[in-house]
Amino acid sequence: MREPTYFILAALLDGPLHGYAVIQQVAGLSGGRVRLAAGTLYAALDRLAAEGLLRVDREEVVNGRARRYYALTDQGATAVRAEAERMTEAARLVMNRTRVRDTRLRTVKPA
């Protein structure tokens, strides 16, 4: 799963959001690493909806403009959870290997 997709799905874990709120949440959750342009976001939202990972929750008109809210589906929640578990396991693997390496380096005595 690509990083923007992961953060879009993660942004919706707490409940439905409209597009601009998704952009803000993604920036916050990623520590500013992922910044989505509106066009990129809406293309991703359409793709994720077509894949069944999210759905349109509702629409409302605010100041004469339509605002669409998106919600995570059960399939989307499962997918983002599985990706988080995959990344956790990958990080654990690297951290364990670096600990072993550090231990070996400390036990090697200079000649």
PDB file of N, CA and C in Angstrom:
ATOM      1  N   MET A   1       0.863  -1.179   0.000  1.00  0.00           N
ATOM      2  CA  MET A   1       0.000   0.000   0.000  1.00  0.00           C
ATOM      3  C   MET A   1       0.906   1.237   0.000  1.00  0.00           C
ATOM      4  N   ARG A   2       0.601   2.177  -0.881  1.00  0.00           N
ATOM      5  CA  ARG A   2       1.378   3.406  -0.940  1.00  0.00           C
ATOM      6  C   ARG A   2       1.079   4.289   0.279  1.00  0.00           C
ATOM      7  N   GLU A   3       2.061   5.089   0.653  1.00  0.00           N
ATOM      8  CA  GLU A   3       1.935   5.917   1.849  1.00  0.00           C
ATOM      9  C   GLU A   3       0.722   6.854   1.819  1.00  0.00           C
ATOM     10  N   PRO A   4       0.442   7.554   0.722  1.00  0.00           N
ATOM     11  CA  PRO A   4      -0.748   8.413   0.725  1.00  0.00           C
ATOM     12  C   PRO A   4      -2.035   7.631   0.976  1.00  0.00           C
ATOM     13  N   THR A   5      -2.160   6.460   0.372  1.00  0.00           N
ATOM     14  CA  THR A   5      -3.341   5.628   0.569  1.00  0.00           C
ATOM     15  C   THR A   5      -3.467   5.234   2.034  1.00  0.00           C
ATOM     16  N   TYR A   6      -2.359   4.816   2.628  1.00  0.00           N
ATOM     17  CA  TYR A   6      -2.356   4.428   4.037  1.00  0.00           C
ATOM     18  C   TYR A   6      -2.856   5.573   4.911  1.00  0.00           C
ATOM     19  N   PHE A   7      -2.345   6.770   4.692  1.00  0.00           N
ATOM     20  CA  PHE A   7      -2.728   7.897   5.530  1.00  0.00           C
ATOM     21  C   PHE A   7      -4.153   8.378   5.248  1.00  0.00           C
ATOM     22  N   ILE A   8      -4.627   8.252   4.024  1.00  0.00           N
ATOM     23  CA  ILE A   8      -6.034   8.591   3.736  1.00  0.00           C
ATOM     24  C   ILE A   8      -6.951   7.656   4.514  1.00  0.00           C
ATOM     25  N   LEU A   9      -6.671   6.364   4.457  1.00  0.00           N
ATOM     26  CA  LEU A   9      -7.490   5.396   5.197  1.00  0.00           C
ATOM     27  C   LEU A   9      -7.369   5.624   6.700  1.00  0.00           C
ATOM     28  N   ALA A  10      -6.164   5.885   7.177  1.00  0.00           N
ATOM     29  CA  ALA A  10      -5.954   6.139   8.612  1.00  0.00           C
ATOM     30  C   ALA A  10      -6.705   7.385   9.069  1.00  0.00           C
ATOM     31  N   ALA A  11      -6.770   8.392   8.206  1.00  0.00           N
ATOM     32  CA  ALA A  11      -7.471   9.637   8.549  1.00  0.00           C
ATOM     33  C   ALA A  11      -8.952   9.382   8.803  1.00  0.00           C
ATOM     34  N   LEU A  12      -9.502   8.363   8.172  1.00  0.00           N
ATOM     35  CA  LEU A  12     -10.933   8.075   8.290  1.00  0.00           C
ATOM     36  C   LEU A  12     -11.263   7.093   9.411  1.00  0.00           C
ATOM     37  N   LEU A  13     -10.266   6.649  10.159  1.00  0.00           N
ATOM     38  CA  LEU A  13     -10.511   5.687  11.230  1.00  0.00           C
ATOM     39  C   LEU A  13     -11.441   6.238  12.312  1.00  0.00           C
ATOM     40  N   ASP A  14     -11.375   7.531  12.582  1.00  0.00           N
ATOM     41  CA  ASP A  14     -12.199   8.109  13.647  1.00  0.00           C
ATOM     42  C   ASP A  14     -13.600   8.500  13.188  1.00  0.00           C
ATOM     43  N   GLY A  15     -13.855   8.400  11.893  1.00  0.00           N
ATOM     44  CA  GLY A  15     -15.189   8.729  11.402  1.00  0.00           C
ATOM     45  C   GLY A  15     -15.128   9.482  10.089  1.00  0.00           C
ATOM     46  N   PRO A  16     -16.292   9.753   9.510  1.00  0.00           N
ATOM     47  CA  PRO A  16     -16.359  10.411   8.199  1.00  0.00           C
ATOM     48  C   PRO A  16     -15.744  11.806   8.214  1.00  0.00           C
ATOM     49  N   LEU A  17     -15.112  12.151   7.107  1.00  0.00           N
ATOM     50  CA  LEU A  17     -14.512  13.476   6.920  1.00  0.00           C
ATOM     51  C   LEU A  17     -14.787  13.951   5.501  1.00  0.00           C
ATOM     52  N   HIS A  18     -14.838  15.261   5.330  1.00  0.00           N
ATOM     53  CA  HIS A  18     -14.914  15.814   3.983  1.00  0.00           C
ATOM     54  C   HIS A  18     -13.494  15.958   3.443  1.00  0.00           C
ATOM     55  N   GLY A  19     -13.389  16.192   2.147  1.00  0.00           N
ATOM     56  CA  GLY A  19     -12.095  16.183   1.470  1.00  0.00           C
ATOM     57  C   GLY A  19     -11.035  17.059   2.100  1.00  0.00           C
ATOM     58  N   TYR A  20     -11.356  18.323   2.388  1.00  0.00           N
ATOM     59  CA  TYR A  20     -10.350  19.220   2.952  1.00  0.00           C
ATOM     60  C   TYR A  20      -9.899  18.730   4.325  1.00  0.00           C
ATOM     61  N   ALA A  21     -10.815  18.182   5.112  1.00  0.00           N
ATOM     62  CA  ALA A  21     -10.448  17.637   6.422  1.00  0.00           C
ATOM     63  C   ALA A  21      -9.533  16.424   6.268  1.00  0.00           C
ATOM     64  N   VAL A  22      -9.753  15.621   5.232  1.00  0.00           N
ATOM     65  CA  VAL A  22      -8.865  14.484   4.964  1.00  0.00           C
ATOM     66  C   VAL A  22      -7.464  15.003   4.674  1.00  0.00           C
ATOM     67  N   ILE A  23      -7.354  16.035   3.838  1.00  0.00           N
ATOM     68  CA  ILE A  23      -6.050  16.619   3.515  1.00  0.00           C
ATOM     69  C   ILE A  23      -5.337  17.058   4.795  1.00  0.00           C
ATOM     70  N   GLN A  24      -6.051  17.733   5.683  1.00  0.00           N
ATOM     71  CA  GLN A  24      -5.462  18.212   6.934  1.00  0.00           C
ATOM     72  C   GLN A  24      -5.054  17.057   7.846  1.00  0.00           C
ATOM     73  N   GLN A  25      -5.917  16.059   7.970  1.00  0.00           N
ATOM     74  CA  GLN A  25      -5.606  14.903   8.807  1.00  0.00           C
ATOM     75  C   GLN A  25      -4.387  14.150   8.295  1.00  0.00           C
ATOM     76  N   VAL A  26      -4.317  13.948   6.981  1.00  0.00           N
ATOM     77  CA  VAL A  26      -3.185  13.236   6.391  1.00  0.00           C
ATOM     78  C   VAL A  26      -1.883  13.983   6.691  1.00  0.00           C
ATOM     79  N   ALA A  27      -1.891  15.287   6.520  1.00  0.00           N
ATOM     80  CA  ALA A  27      -0.690  16.082   6.815  1.00  0.00           C
ATOM     81  C   ALA A  27      -0.311  15.937   8.287  1.00  0.00           C
ATOM     82  N   GLY A  28      -1.288  15.995   9.170  1.00  0.00           N
ATOM     83  CA  GLY A  28      -1.007  15.871  10.599  1.00  0.00           C
ATOM     84  C   GLY A  28      -0.515  14.488  10.989  1.00  0.00           C
ATOM     85  N   LEU A  29      -1.203  13.459  10.518  1.00  0.00           N
ATOM     86  CA  LEU A  29      -0.816  12.089  10.861  1.00  0.00           C
ATOM     87  C   LEU A  29       0.562  11.725  10.332  1.00  0.00           C
ATOM     88  N   SER A  30       0.916  12.274   9.187  1.00  0.00           N
ATOM     89  CA  SER A  30       2.208  11.937   8.567  1.00  0.00           C
ATOM     90  C   SER A  30       3.324  12.872   9.013  1.00  0.00           C
ATOM     91  N   GLY A  31       3.030  13.770   9.936  1.00  0.00           N
ATOM     92  CA  GLY A  31       4.049  14.719  10.368  1.00  0.00           C
ATOM     93  C   GLY A  31       4.462  15.666   9.259  1.00  0.00           C
ATOM     94  N   GLY A  32       3.540  15.910   8.317  1.00  0.00           N
ATOM     95  CA  GLY A  32       3.810  16.815   7.209  1.00  0.00           C
ATOM     96  C   GLY A  32       4.513  16.174   6.025  1.00  0.00           C
ATOM     97  N   ARG A  33       4.848  14.893   6.128  1.00  0.00           N
ATOM     98  CA  ARG A  33       5.539  14.215   5.014  1.00  0.00           C
ATOM     99  C   ARG A  33       4.636  14.031   3.806  1.00  0.00           C
ATOM    100  N   VAL A  34       3.352  13.773   4.051  1.00  0.00           N
ATOM    101  CA  VAL A  34       2.416  13.547   2.941  1.00  0.00           C
ATOM    102  C   VAL A  34       1.511  14.764   2.839  1.00  0.00           C
ATOM    103  N   ARG A  35       1.634  15.461   1.736  1.00  0.00           N
ATOM    104  CA  ARG A  35       0.796  16.632   1.455  1.00  0.00           C
ATOM    105  C   ARG A  35       0.045  16.340   0.160  1.00  0.00           C
ATOM    106  N   LEU A  36      -1.263  16.300   0.271  1.00  0.00           N
ATOM    107  CA  LEU A  36      -2.090  15.941  -0.873  1.00  0.00           C
ATOM    108  C   LEU A  36      -2.692  17.180  -1.521  1.00  0.00           C
ATOM    109  N   ALA A  37      -2.539  17.287  -2.818  1.00  0.00           N
ATOM    110  CA  ALA A  37      -3.255  18.310  -3.581  1.00  0.00           C
ATOM    111  C   ALA A  37      -4.693  17.818  -3.740  1.00  0.00           C
ATOM    112  N   ALA A  38      -5.612  18.746  -3.916  1.00  0.00           N
ATOM    113  CA  ALA A  38      -7.030  18.382  -4.020  1.00  0.00           C
ATOM    114  C   ALA A  38      -7.273  17.378  -5.147  1.00  0.00           C
ATOM    115  N   GLY A  39      -6.692  17.608  -6.299  1.00  0.00           N
ATOM    116  CA  GLY A  39      -6.897  16.700  -7.431  1.00  0.00           C
ATOM    117  C   GLY A  39      -6.401  15.296  -7.136  1.00  0.00           C
ATOM    118  N   THR A  40      -5.248  15.213  -6.491  1.00  0.00           N
ATOM    119  CA  THR A  40      -4.677  13.918  -6.113  1.00  0.00           C
ATOM    120  C   THR A  40      -5.573  13.217  -5.108  1.00  0.00           C
ATOM    121  N   LEU A  41      -6.068  13.982  -4.128  1.00  0.00           N
ATOM    122  CA  LEU A  41      -6.934  13.402  -3.105  1.00  0.00           C
ATOM    123  C   LEU A  41      -8.200  12.832  -3.728  1.00  0.00           C
ATOM    124  N   TYR A  42      -8.881  13.622  -4.545  1.00  0.00           N
ATOM    125  CA  TYR A  42     -10.173  13.167  -5.068  1.00  0.00           C
ATOM    126  C   TYR A  42     -10.019  11.994  -6.021  1.00  0.00           C
ATOM    127  N   ALA A  43      -8.915  11.946  -6.756  1.00  0.00           N
ATOM    128  CA  ALA A  43      -8.655  10.772  -7.601  1.00  0.00           C
ATOM    129  C   ALA A  43      -8.456   9.540  -6.714  1.00  0.00           C
ATOM    130  N   ALA A  44      -7.716   9.708  -5.610  1.00  0.00           N
ATOM    131  CA  ALA A  44      -7.487   8.596  -4.689  1.00  0.00           C
ATOM    132  C   ALA A  44      -8.798   8.168  -4.020  1.00  0.00           C
ATOM    133  N   LEU A  45      -9.606   9.130  -3.600  1.00  0.00           N
ATOM    134  CA  LEU A  45     -10.887   8.795  -2.965  1.00  0.00           C
ATOM    135  C   LEU A  45     -11.788   8.022  -3.929  1.00  0.00           C
ATOM    136  N   ASP A  46     -11.831   8.442  -5.172  1.00  0.00           N
ATOM    137  CA  ASP A  46     -12.639   7.720  -6.173  1.00  0.00           C
ATOM    138  C   ASP A  46     -12.124   6.296  -6.352  1.00  0.00           C
ATOM    139  N   ARG A  47     -10.802   6.141  -6.425  1.00  0.00           N
ATOM    140  CA  ARG A  47     -10.198   4.816  -6.592  1.00  0.00           C
ATOM    141  C   ARG A  47     -10.489   3.935  -5.379  1.00  0.00           C
ATOM    142  N   LEU A  48     -10.321   4.493  -4.184  1.00  0.00           N
ATOM    143  CA  LEU A  48     -10.551   3.719  -2.963  1.00  0.00           C
ATOM    144  C   LEU A  48     -12.022   3.336  -2.809  1.00  0.00           C
ATOM    145  N   ALA A  49     -12.913   4.204  -3.242  1.00  0.00           N
ATOM    146  CA  ALA A  49     -14.340   3.873  -3.222  1.00  0.00           C
ATOM    147  C   ALA A  49     -14.629   2.740  -4.202  1.00  0.00           C
ATOM    148  N   ALA A  50     -14.036   2.806  -5.392  1.00  0.00           N
ATOM    149  CA  ALA A  50     -14.236   1.749  -6.392  1.00  0.00           C
ATOM    150  C   ALA A  50     -13.693   0.408  -5.891  1.00  0.00           C
ATOM    151  N   GLU A  51     -12.644   0.455  -5.051  1.00  0.00           N
ATOM    152  CA  GLU A  51     -12.065  -0.769  -4.493  1.00  0.00           C
ATOM    153  C   GLU A  51     -12.824  -1.252  -3.252  1.00  0.00           C
ATOM    154  N   GLY A  52     -13.807  -0.487  -2.810  1.00  0.00           N
ATOM    155  CA  GLY A  52     -14.607  -0.886  -1.660  1.00  0.00           C
ATOM    156  C   GLY A  52     -13.979  -0.575  -0.316  1.00  0.00           C
ATOM    157  N   LEU A  53     -12.945   0.270  -0.294  1.00  0.00           N
ATOM    158  CA  LEU A  53     -12.252   0.576   0.956  1.00  0.00           C
ATOM    159  C   LEU A  53     -12.874   1.756   1.694  1.00  0.00           C
ATOM    160  N   LEU A  54     -13.613   2.582   0.971  1.00  0.00           N
ATOM    161  CA  LEU A  54     -14.357   3.668   1.593  1.00  0.00           C
ATOM    162  C   LEU A  54     -15.613   3.908   0.789  1.00  0.00           C
ATOM    163  N   ARG A  55     -16.483   4.732   1.357  1.00  0.00           N
ATOM    164  CA  ARG A  55     -17.753   5.032   0.693  1.00  0.00           C
ATOM    165  C   ARG A  55     -18.109   6.481   0.973  1.00  0.00           C
ATOM    166  N   VAL A  56     -18.979   7.015   0.147  1.00  0.00           N
ATOM    167  CA  VAL A  56     -19.515   8.349   0.407  1.00  0.00           C
ATOM    168  C   VAL A  56     -20.521   8.195   1.535  1.00  0.00           C
ATOM    169  N   ASP A  57     -20.317   8.930   2.609  1.00  0.00           N
ATOM    170  CA  ASP A  57     -21.185   8.852   3.780  1.00  0.00           C
ATOM    171  C   ASP A  57     -22.400   9.755   3.614  1.00  0.00           C
ATOM    172  N   ARG A  58     -22.150  10.989   3.176  1.00  0.00           N
ATOM    173  CA  ARG A  58     -23.235  11.947   2.978  1.00  0.00           C
ATOM    174  C   ARG A  58     -22.698  13.149   2.219  1.00  0.00           C
ATOM    175  N   GLU A  59     -23.629  13.967   1.757  1.00  0.00           N
ATOM    176  CA  GLU A  59     -23.284  15.221   1.110  1.00  0.00           C
ATOM    177  C   GLU A  59     -24.111  16.321   1.742  1.00  0.00           C
ATOM    178  N   GLU A  60     -23.522  17.502   1.827  1.00  0.00           N
ATOM    179  CA  GLU A  60     -24.247  18.662   2.322  1.00  0.00           C
ATOM    180  C   GLU A  60     -23.767  19.888   1.552  1.00  0.00           C
ATOM    181  N   VAL A  61     -24.549  20.927   1.585  1.00  0.00           N
ATOM    182  CA  VAL A  61     -24.178  22.167   0.922  1.00  0.00           C
ATOM    183  C   VAL A  61     -23.755  23.167   1.994  1.00  0.00           C
ATOM    184  N   VAL A  62     -22.548  23.695   1.841  1.00  0.00           N
ATOM    185  CA  VAL A  62     -22.006  24.673   2.783  1.00  0.00           C
ATOM    186  C   VAL A  62     -21.590  25.897   1.970  1.00  0.00           C
ATOM    187  N   ASN A  63     -22.181  27.035   2.298  1.00  0.00           N
ATOM    188  CA  ASN A  63     -21.893  28.276   1.560  1.00  0.00           C
ATOM    189  C   ASN A  63     -22.079  28.096   0.057  1.00  0.00           C
ATOM    190  N   GLY A  64     -23.122  27.379  -0.327  1.00  0.00           N
ATOM    191  CA  GLY A  64     -23.437  27.191  -1.730  1.00  0.00           C
ATOM    192  C   GLY A  64     -22.594  26.153  -2.449  1.00  0.00           C
ATOM    193  N   ARG A  65     -21.702  25.462  -1.722  1.00  0.00           N
ATOM    194  CA  ARG A  65     -20.841  24.452  -2.345  1.00  0.00           C
ATOM    195  C   ARG A  65     -21.131  23.084  -1.744  1.00  0.00           C
ATOM    196  N   ALA A  66     -21.135  22.090  -2.607  1.00  0.00           N
ATOM    197  CA  ALA A  66     -21.371  20.720  -2.135  1.00  0.00           C
ATOM    198  C   ALA A  66     -20.150  20.225  -1.372  1.00  0.00           C
ATOM    199  N   ARG A  67     -20.397  19.608  -0.250  1.00  0.00           N
ATOM    200  CA  ARG A  67     -19.329  19.015   0.555  1.00  0.00           C
ATOM    201  C   ARG A  67     -19.668  17.544   0.732  1.00  0.00           C
ATOM    202  N   ARG A  68     -18.779  16.694   0.294  1.00  0.00           N
ATOM    203  CA  ARG A  68     -18.984  15.252   0.354  1.00  0.00           C
ATOM    204  C   ARG A  68     -18.144  14.673   1.493  1.00  0.00           C
ATOM    205  N   TYR A  69     -18.772  13.853   2.309  1.00  0.00           N
ATOM    206  CA  TYR A  69     -18.077  13.191   3.413  1.00  0.00           C
ATOM    207  C   TYR A  69     -17.806  11.739   3.041  1.00  0.00           C
ATOM    208  N   TYR A  70     -16.625  11.273   3.406  1.00  0.00           N
ATOM    209  CA  TYR A  70     -16.206   9.905   3.106  1.00  0.00           C
ATOM    210  C   TYR A  70     -16.039   9.134   4.402  1.00  0.00           C
ATOM    211  N   ALA A  71     -16.389   7.850   4.362  1.00  0.00           N
ATOM    212  CA  ALA A  71     -16.268   6.984   5.532  1.00  0.00           C
ATOM    213  C   ALA A  71     -15.556   5.699   5.128  1.00  0.00           C
ATOM    214  N   LEU A  72     -14.835   5.157   6.063  1.00  0.00           N
ATOM    215  CA  LEU A  72     -14.142   3.895   5.877  1.00  0.00           C
ATOM    216  C   LEU A  72     -15.162   2.758   5.885  1.00  0.00           C
ATOM    217  N   THR A  73     -14.987   1.791   5.023  1.00  0.00           N
ATOM    218  CA  THR A  73     -15.802   0.573   5.076  1.00  0.00           C
ATOM    219  C   THR A  73     -15.094  -0.424   5.999  1.00  0.00           C
ATOM    220  N   ASP A  74     -15.762  -1.503   6.334  1.00  0.00           N
ATOM    221  CA  ASP A  74     -15.110  -2.555   7.131  1.00  0.00           C
ATOM    222  C   ASP A  74     -13.886  -3.084   6.396  1.00  0.00           C
ATOM    223  N   GLN A  75     -14.003  -3.223   5.082  1.00  0.00           N
ATOM    224  CA  GLN A  75     -12.881  -3.697   4.267  1.00  0.00           C
ATOM    225  C   GLN A  75     -11.725  -2.698   4.338  1.00  0.00           C
ATOM    226  N   GLY A  76     -12.023  -1.410   4.325  1.00  0.00           N
ATOM    227  CA  GLY A  76     -10.985  -0.387   4.423  1.00  0.00           C
ATOM    228  C   GLY A  76     -10.302  -0.406   5.769  1.00  0.00           C
ATOM    229  N   ALA A  77     -11.081  -0.577   6.837  1.00  0.00           N
ATOM    230  CA  ALA A  77     -10.501  -0.651   8.185  1.00  0.00           C
ATOM    231  C   ALA A  77      -9.593  -1.873   8.304  1.00  0.00           C
ATOM    232  N   THR A  78     -10.023  -2.980   7.737  1.00  0.00           N
ATOM    233  CA  THR A  78      -9.200  -4.191   7.753  1.00  0.00           C
ATOM    234  C   THR A  78      -7.914  -3.983   6.974  1.00  0.00           C
ATOM    235  N   ALA A  79      -8.013  -3.325   5.823  1.00  0.00           N
ATOM    236  CA  ALA A  79      -6.833  -3.096   4.982  1.00  0.00           C
ATOM    237  C   ALA A  79      -5.813  -2.189   5.674  1.00  0.00           C
ATOM    238  N   VAL A  80      -6.269  -1.102   6.293  1.00  0.00           N
ATOM    239  CA  VAL A  80      -5.318  -0.190   6.937  1.00  0.00           C
ATOM    240  C   VAL A  80      -4.711  -0.849   8.176  1.00  0.00           C
ATOM    241  N   ARG A  81      -5.487  -1.647   8.889  1.00  0.00           N
ATOM    242  CA  ARG A  81      -4.960  -2.381  10.044  1.00  0.00           C
ATOM    243  C   ARG A  81      -3.908  -3.395   9.592  1.00  0.00           C
ATOM    244  N   ALA A  82      -4.187  -4.117   8.518  1.00  0.00           N
ATOM    245  CA  ALA A  82      -3.234  -5.101   8.001  1.00  0.00           C
ATOM    246  C   ALA A  82      -1.938  -4.425   7.560  1.00  0.00           C
ATOM    247  N   GLU A  83      -2.055  -3.254   6.947  1.00  0.00           N
ATOM    248  CA  GLU A  83      -0.854  -2.522   6.526  1.00  0.00           C
ATOM    249  C   GLU A  83      -0.054  -2.048   7.725  1.00  0.00           C
ATOM    250  N   ALA A  84      -0.737  -1.594   8.768  1.00  0.00           N
ATOM    251  CA  ALA A  84      -0.042  -1.170   9.995  1.00  0.00           C
ATOM    252  C   ALA A  84       0.687  -2.357  10.621  1.00  0.00           C
ATOM    253  N   GLU A  85       0.046  -3.511  10.635  1.00  0.00           N
ATOM    254  CA  GLU A  85       0.692  -4.715  11.177  1.00  0.00           C
ATOM    255  C   GLU A  85       1.892  -5.120  10.329  1.00  0.00           C
ATOM    256  N   ARG A  86       1.767  -5.012   9.014  1.00  0.00           N
ATOM    257  CA  ARG A  86       2.883  -5.350   8.125  1.00  0.00           C
ATOM    258  C   ARG A  86       4.061  -4.420   8.384  1.00  0.00           C
ATOM    259  N   MET A  87       3.786  -3.118   8.518  1.00  0.00           N
ATOM    260  CA  MET A  87       4.866  -2.158   8.763  1.00  0.00           C
ATOM    261  C   MET A  87       5.492  -2.368  10.146  1.00  0.00           C
ATOM    262  N   THR A  88       4.668  -2.719  11.125  1.00  0.00           N
ATOM    263  CA  THR A  88       5.185  -2.987  12.470  1.00  0.00           C
ATOM    264  C   THR A  88       6.134  -4.176  12.443  1.00  0.00           C
ATOM    265  N   GLU A  89       5.739  -5.235  11.747  1.00  0.00           N
ATOM    266  CA  GLU A  89       6.586  -6.418  11.649  1.00  0.00           C
ATOM    267  C   GLU A  89       7.879  -6.100  10.893  1.00  0.00           C
ATOM    268  N   ALA A  90       7.791  -5.323   9.843  1.00  0.00           N
ATOM    269  CA  ALA A  90       8.988  -4.935   9.092  1.00  0.00           C
ATOM    270  C   ALA A  90       9.926  -4.103   9.969  1.00  0.00           C
ATOM    271  N   ALA A  91       9.368  -3.175  10.747  1.00  0.00           N
ATOM    272  CA  ALA A  91      10.192  -2.357  11.648  1.00  0.00           C
ATOM    273  C   ALA A  91      10.816  -3.227  12.735  1.00  0.00           C
ATOM    274  N   ARG A  92      10.043  -4.185  13.270  1.00  0.00           N
ATOM    275  CA  ARG A  92      10.563  -5.078  14.304  1.00  0.00           C
ATOM    276  C   ARG A  92      11.746  -5.887  13.766  1.00  0.00           C
ATOM    277  N   LEU A  93      11.630  -6.373  12.548  1.00  0.00           N
ATOM    278  CA  LEU A  93      12.699  -7.139  11.925  1.00  0.00           C
ATOM    279  C   LEU A  93      13.981  -6.308  11.841  1.00  0.00           C
ATOM    280  N   VAL A  94      13.861  -5.082  11.366  1.00  0.00           N
ATOM    281  CA  VAL A  94      15.035  -4.214  11.239  1.00  0.00           C
ATOM    282  C   VAL A  94      15.615  -3.875  12.608  1.00  0.00           C
ATOM    283  N   MET A  95      14.747  -3.539  13.564  1.00  0.00           N
ATOM    284  CA  MET A  95      15.233  -3.185  14.901  1.00  0.00           C
ATOM    285  C   MET A  95      15.951  -4.354  15.557  1.00  0.00           C
ATOM    286  N   ASN A  96      15.424  -5.557  15.415  1.00  0.00           N
ATOM    287  CA  ASN A  96      16.090  -6.737  15.967  1.00  0.00           C
ATOM    288  C   ASN A  96      17.443  -6.963  15.313  1.00  0.00           C
ATOM    289  N   ARG A  97      17.508  -6.783  14.029  1.00  0.00           N
ATOM    290  CA  ARG A  97      18.781  -6.982  13.315  1.00  0.00           C
ATOM    291  C   ARG A  97      19.803  -5.924  13.699  1.00  0.00           C
ATOM    292  N   THR A  98      19.360  -4.687  13.908  1.00  0.00           N
ATOM    293  CA  THR A  98      20.318  -3.649  14.294  1.00  0.00           C
ATOM    294  C   THR A  98      20.801  -3.876  15.722  1.00  0.00           C
ATOM    295  N   ARG A  99      19.956  -4.411  16.597  1.00  0.00           N
ATOM    296  CA  ARG A  99      20.405  -4.734  17.962  1.00  0.00           C
ATOM    297  C   ARG A  99      21.476  -5.818  17.929  1.00  0.00           C
ATOM    298  N   VAL A 100      21.264  -6.845  17.107  1.00  0.00           N
ATOM    299  CA  VAL A 100      22.251  -7.920  16.968  1.00  0.00           C
ATOM    300  C   VAL A 100      23.556  -7.336  16.427  1.00  0.00           C
ATOM    301  N   ARG A 101      23.464  -6.499  15.449  1.00  0.00           N
ATOM    302  CA  ARG A 101      24.660  -5.876  14.856  1.00  0.00           C
ATOM    303  C   ARG A 101      25.386  -5.037  15.899  1.00  0.00           C
ATOM    304  N   ASP A 102      24.643  -4.218  16.645  1.00  0.00           N
ATOM    305  CA  ASP A 102      25.255  -3.373  17.666  1.00  0.00           C
ATOM    306  C   ASP A 102      25.939  -4.219  18.736  1.00  0.00           C
ATOM    307  N   THR A 103      25.307  -5.340  19.114  1.00  0.00           N
ATOM    308  CA  THR A 103      25.897  -6.235  20.110  1.00  0.00           C
ATOM    309  C   THR A 103      27.199  -6.818  19.590  1.00  0.00           C
ATOM    310  N   ARG A 104      27.193  -7.241  18.335  1.00  0.00           N
ATOM    311  CA  ARG A 104      28.416  -7.796  17.734  1.00  0.00           C
ATOM    312  C   ARG A 104      29.521  -6.755  17.700  1.00  0.00           C
ATOM    313  N   LEU A 105      29.193  -5.533  17.347  1.00  0.00           N
ATOM    314  CA  LEU A 105      30.204  -4.484  17.274  1.00  0.00           C
ATOM    315  C   LEU A 105      30.787  -4.163  18.643  1.00  0.00           C
ATOM    316  N   ARG A 106      29.977  -4.253  19.689  1.00  0.00           N
ATOM    317  CA  ARG A 106      30.478  -3.974  21.046  1.00  0.00           C
ATOM    318  C   ARG A 106      31.376  -5.095  21.551  1.00  0.00           C
ATOM    319  N   THR A 107      31.140  -6.318  21.078  1.00  0.00           N
ATOM    320  CA  THR A 107      31.932  -7.450  21.579  1.00  0.00           C
ATOM    321  C   THR A 107      33.218  -7.655  20.788  1.00  0.00           C
ATOM    322  N   VAL A 108      33.351  -7.015  19.653  1.00  0.00           N
ATOM    323  CA  VAL A 108      34.587  -7.137  18.858  1.00  0.00           C
ATOM    324  C   VAL A 108      35.638  -6.252  19.518  1.00  0.00           C
ATOM    325  N   LYS A 109      36.776  -6.865  19.866  1.00  0.00           N
ATOM    326  CA  LYS A 109      37.829  -6.123  20.541  1.00  0.00           C
ATOM    327  C   LYS A 109      38.842  -5.645  19.512  1.00  0.00           C
ATOM    328  N   PRO A 110      39.267  -4.396  19.645  1.00  0.00           N
ATOM    329  CA  PRO A 110      40.265  -3.893  18.693  1.00  0.00           C
ATOM    330  C   PRO A 110      41.567  -4.675  18.798  1.00  0.00           C
ATOM    331  N   ALA A 111      42.251  -4.815  17.675  1.00  0.00           N
ATOM    332  CA  ALA A 111      43.506  -5.580  17.649  1.00  0.00           C
ATOM    333  C   ALA A 111      44.647  -4.798  18.239  1.00  0.00           C
TER     334      ALA A 111
END
